């Protein structure tokens, strides 16, 4: 037998056969692992998998009607109603302020008129109390006491600046508003003042005392 022929039962032949079997098992395992990975990727992309959050009722549900959009609309409506209430209250308050201001202005005018009338009455009372002094001065001058004339003149001038007017003219028509007829003389025509028995006075167009006169006519 030649040395080149293989010997039956050589252990090296078994090693080759065994090596080829190991390689086939490794390939099969790799294929099984790859198929498992592909199956897993397919399952994750299928409906009901990881993408389910995008379906109705999932994470996107907040954008549905009745969510944040509805709350924003309610907030806008509430803000508009609040603004309308504020505007109404502002108008009512403005009207109230205007009425109060008008009432206060009317009150001030009434008070000013009353004060003016009170001052006029007080001044007229003072003048009325001074009239006997003027009458005494006039009587003294008529009696020849000329030294009284400066006092009478100064007193009358001071009162005249404030509105005192003396009614003592003669040969004027009789005016029952400023004249008091105590004597009457027959005559023709309308009654005329022919003599002043006591002078009358006006204070700012108000009769303080009517003049006592003699009338003809």
Protein backbone atom coordinates (compact mmCIF):
# COMPACT_ATOMS: atom_id res chain seq x y z
CA UNK A 1 0.00 0.00 0.00
CA UNK A 2 1.29 3.38 -0.94
CA UNK A 3 2.04 6.00 1.73
CA UNK A 4 -0.05 8.62 -0.08
CA UNK A 5 -3.31 6.81 0.25
CA UNK A 6 -5.41 7.79 3.12
CA UNK A 7 -5.69 5.44 5.98
CA UNK A 8 -9.15 4.47 7.06
CA UNK A 9 -10.04 5.72 10.41
CA UNK A 10 -7.61 8.67 10.33
CA UNK A 11 -8.63 11.14 13.08
CA UNK A 12 -7.88 14.10 10.82
CA UNK A 13 -10.79 13.15 8.56
CA UNK A 14 -13.10 13.35 11.54
CA UNK A 15 -11.74 16.80 12.44
CA UNK A 16 -12.54 18.14 8.96
CA UNK A 17 -16.04 16.78 9.04
CA UNK A 18 -16.55 18.14 12.50
CA UNK A 19 -15.31 21.61 11.43
CA UNK A 20 -17.68 21.79 8.54
CA UNK A 21 -20.62 20.93 10.88
CA UNK A 22 -19.66 23.73 13.30
CA UNK A 23 -19.61 26.29 10.51
CA UNK A 24 -23.13 25.33 9.36
CA UNK A 25 -24.51 25.64 12.90
CA UNK A 26 -22.98 29.11 13.30
CA UNK A 27 -24.58 30.33 10.07
CA UNK A 28 -27.95 28.96 11.08
CA UNK A 29 -27.77 30.73 14.44
CA UNK A 30 -26.88 34.01 12.78
CA UNK A 31 -29.83 33.66 10.39
CA UNK A 32 -32.20 32.95 13.26
CA UNK A 33 -30.96 36.04 15.15
CA UNK A 34 -31.35 38.24 12.06
CA UNK A 35 -34.92 36.97 11.50
CA UNK A 36 -35.75 37.72 15.14
CA UNK A 37 -34.40 41.27 14.78
CA UNK A 38 -36.43 41.83 11.61
CA UNK A 39 -39.55 40.48 13.29
CA UNK A 40 -39.02 42.84 16.19
CA UNK A 41 -38.65 45.86 13.90
CA UNK A 42 -41.82 44.91 12.04
CA UNK A 43 -43.80 44.60 15.23
CA UNK A 44 -42.69 48.02 16.47
CA UNK A 45 -43.90 49.65 13.23
CA UNK A 46 -47.30 47.88 13.25
CA UNK A 47 -50.54 49.62 14.47
CA UNK A 48 -50.91 49.42 18.23
CA UNK A 49 -47.17 49.50 18.74
CA UNK A 50 -44.88 52.39 19.68
CA UNK A 51 -46.68 54.73 17.24
CA UNK A 52 -49.97 54.29 19.05
CA UNK A 53 -49.43 57.59 20.94
CA UNK A 54 -50.21 59.48 17.74
CA UNK A 55 -53.63 57.77 17.44
CA UNK A 56 -56.83 59.49 18.67
CA UNK A 57 -57.02 59.30 22.44
CA UNK A 58 -53.24 59.25 22.83
CA UNK A 59 -50.74 62.04 23.38
CA UNK A 60 -52.36 64.13 20.61
CA UNK A 61 -55.69 64.16 22.42
CA UNK A 62 -54.92 67.62 23.95
CA UNK A 63 -55.39 69.22 20.54
CA UNK A 64 -58.91 67.79 20.21
CA UNK A 65 -62.04 70.00 20.68
CA UNK A 66 -62.79 70.68 24.35
CA UNK A 67 -59.14 70.85 25.32
CA UNK A 68 -56.80 73.84 25.57
CA UNK A 69 -58.55 75.57 22.65
CA UNK A 70 -61.88 75.50 24.45
CA UNK A 71 -60.27 76.90 27.62
CA UNK A 72 -58.73 79.79 25.66
CA UNK A 73 -62.11 80.63 24.11
CA UNK A 74 -63.77 80.65 27.54
CA UNK A 75 -61.04 82.95 28.85
CA UNK A 76 -61.61 85.39 25.98
CA UNK A 77 -65.39 85.44 26.59
CA UNK A 78 -64.84 86.02 30.30
CA UNK A 79 -62.39 88.85 29.61
CA UNK A 80 -64.87 90.56 27.24
CA UNK A 81 -67.67 90.30 29.81
CA UNK A 82 -65.38 91.71 32.51
CA UNK A 83 -64.41 94.63 30.26
CA UNK A 84 -68.08 95.37 29.57
CA UNK A 85 -68.86 95.38 33.29
CA UNK A 86 -65.95 97.70 33.99
CA UNK A 87 -67.07 100.06 31.22
CA UNK A 88 -70.63 100.12 32.57
CA UNK A 89 -69.42 100.85 36.09
CA UNK A 90 -67.13 103.57 34.74
CA UNK A 91 -70.04 105.26 32.92
CA UNK A 92 -72.22 105.08 36.02
CA UNK A 93 -69.45 106.53 38.16
CA UNK A 94 -68.85 109.32 35.63
CA UNK A 95 -72.56 110.21 35.63
CA UNK A 96 -72.56 110.24 39.43
CA UNK A 97 -69.52 112.51 39.55
CA UNK A 98 -71.09 114.89 37.03
CA UNK A 99 -74.34 115.05 39.02
CA UNK A 100 -72.47 115.66 42.26
CA UNK A 101 -70.36 118.37 40.61
CA UNK A 102 -73.47 120.06 39.16
CA UNK A 103 -75.18 119.94 42.56
CA UNK A 104 -72.10 121.37 44.23
CA UNK A 105 -71.84 124.17 41.66
CA UNK A 106 -75.51 125.04 42.20
CA UNK A 107 -74.94 124.97 45.94
CA UNK A 108 -71.98 127.34 45.65
CA UNK A 109 -74.02 129.75 43.53
CA UNK A 110 -76.87 129.68 46.03
CA UNK A 111 -74.47 130.28 48.89
CA UNK A 112 -72.84 133.19 47.05
CA UNK A 113 -76.23 134.75 46.32
CA UNK A 114 -77.33 134.29 49.93
CA UNK A 115 -74.10 135.80 51.22
CA UNK A 116 -74.44 138.76 48.87
CA UNK A 117 -78.01 139.28 50.02
CA UNK A 118 -76.96 139.01 53.65
CA UNK A 119 -74.20 141.57 53.12
CA UNK A 120 -76.64 143.91 51.37
CA UNK A 121 -79.19 143.57 54.16
CA UNK A 122 -76.53 144.13 56.81
CA UNK A 123 -75.24 147.21 54.99
CA UNK A 124 -78.77 148.54 54.54
CA UNK A 125 -79.44 148.08 58.26
CA UNK A 126 -76.28 150.02 59.06
CA UNK A 127 -77.25 152.84 56.69
CA UNK A 128 -80.73 152.92 58.18
CA UNK A 129 -79.19 153.40 61.63
CA UNK A 130 -77.01 156.25 60.30
CA UNK A 131 -79.91 158.14 58.70
CA UNK A 132 -80.85 159.91 61.93
CA UNK A 133 -77.26 161.21 62.07
CA UNK A 134 -77.61 162.63 58.56
CA UNK A 135 -80.99 164.13 59.46
CA UNK A 136 -79.45 165.80 62.48
CA UNK A 137 -76.63 167.20 60.37
CA UNK A 138 -79.11 168.57 57.82
CA UNK A 139 -81.19 170.16 60.56
CA UNK A 140 -78.10 171.74 62.13
CA UNK A 141 -77.02 173.21 58.81
CA UNK A 142 -80.50 174.64 58.22
CA UNK A 143 -80.35 176.12 61.70
CA UNK A 144 -77.12 177.91 60.81
CA UNK A 145 -74.57 175.59 62.37
CA UNK A 146 -72.20 175.59 59.46
CA UNK A 147 -69.44 173.84 61.43
CA UNK A 148 -71.46 170.62 61.08
CA UNK A 149 -71.30 170.78 57.28
CA UNK A 150 -67.83 169.15 56.91
CA UNK A 151 -68.88 166.18 59.05
CA UNK A 152 -72.16 165.77 57.17
CA UNK A 153 -70.39 166.07 53.82
CA UNK A 154 -67.69 163.50 54.68
CA UNK A 155 -70.18 160.99 56.10
CA UNK A 156 -72.50 161.26 53.12
CA UNK A 157 -69.59 161.01 50.63
CA UNK A 158 -68.34 157.81 52.29
CA UNK A 159 -71.80 156.22 52.13
CA UNK A 160 -72.36 157.46 48.57
CA UNK A 161 -69.29 155.49 47.44
CA UNK A 162 -71.06 152.35 48.64
CA UNK A 163 -74.34 153.15 46.89
CA UNK A 164 -76.26 155.68 48.97
CA UNK A 165 -78.42 158.14 46.99
CA UNK A 166 -80.31 161.07 48.54
CA UNK A 167 -83.88 161.78 47.39
CA UNK A 168 -84.48 165.50 47.94
CA UNK A 169 -85.29 167.02 44.55
CA UNK A 170 -88.27 169.35 44.08
CA UNK A 171 -90.33 170.14 40.98
CA UNK A 172 -90.23 166.50 39.95
CA UNK A 173 -93.13 164.16 39.30
CA UNK A 174 -94.49 162.45 42.34
CA UNK A 175 -93.29 158.83 42.53
CA UNK A 176 -95.08 156.74 45.12
CA UNK A 177 -92.10 154.36 45.14
CA UNK A 178 -89.70 156.95 46.60
CA UNK A 179 -92.04 159.69 47.82
CA UNK A 180 -94.43 159.81 50.75
CA UNK A 181 -96.99 162.61 50.34
CA UNK A 182 -97.85 164.12 53.73
CA UNK A 183 -99.20 167.45 52.42
CA UNK A 184 -101.30 168.16 49.35
CA UNK A 185 -101.95 171.42 47.52
CA UNK A 186 -104.64 171.84 44.90
CA UNK A 187 -103.38 172.39 41.41
CA UNK A 188 -103.78 171.46 37.78
CA UNK A 189 -102.12 168.53 36.01
CA UNK A 190 -100.24 165.61 37.47
CA UNK A 191 -98.98 165.76 41.05
CA UNK A 192 -95.59 167.41 41.43
CA UNK A 193 -93.27 167.54 44.43
CA UNK A 194 -93.12 171.16 45.56
CA UNK A 195 -91.38 170.74 48.92
CA UNK A 196 -89.26 168.09 50.67
CA UNK A 197 -90.00 167.92 54.39
CA UNK A 198 -87.52 165.09 55.06
CA UNK A 199 -85.04 163.63 52.60
CA UNK A 200 -85.33 160.04 51.47
CA UNK A 201 -82.52 157.64 50.67
CA UNK A 202 -81.81 154.76 48.31
CA UNK A 203 -79.20 152.11 48.93
CA UNK A 204 -78.07 150.40 45.72
CA UNK A 205 -81.46 151.08 44.10
CA UNK A 206 -83.34 149.79 47.16
CA UNK A 207 -85.51 152.25 49.08
CA UNK A 208 -84.14 152.66 52.57
CA UNK A 209 -86.56 155.44 53.42
CA UNK A 210 -89.10 157.30 51.30
CA UNK A 211 -88.89 161.09 51.18
CA UNK A 212 -91.64 163.01 53.02
CA UNK A 213 -92.91 165.62 50.53
CA UNK A 214 -95.62 168.16 49.80
CA UNK A 215 -97.43 167.53 46.54
CA UNK A 216 -99.28 169.95 44.27
CA UNK A 217 -101.64 168.79 41.56
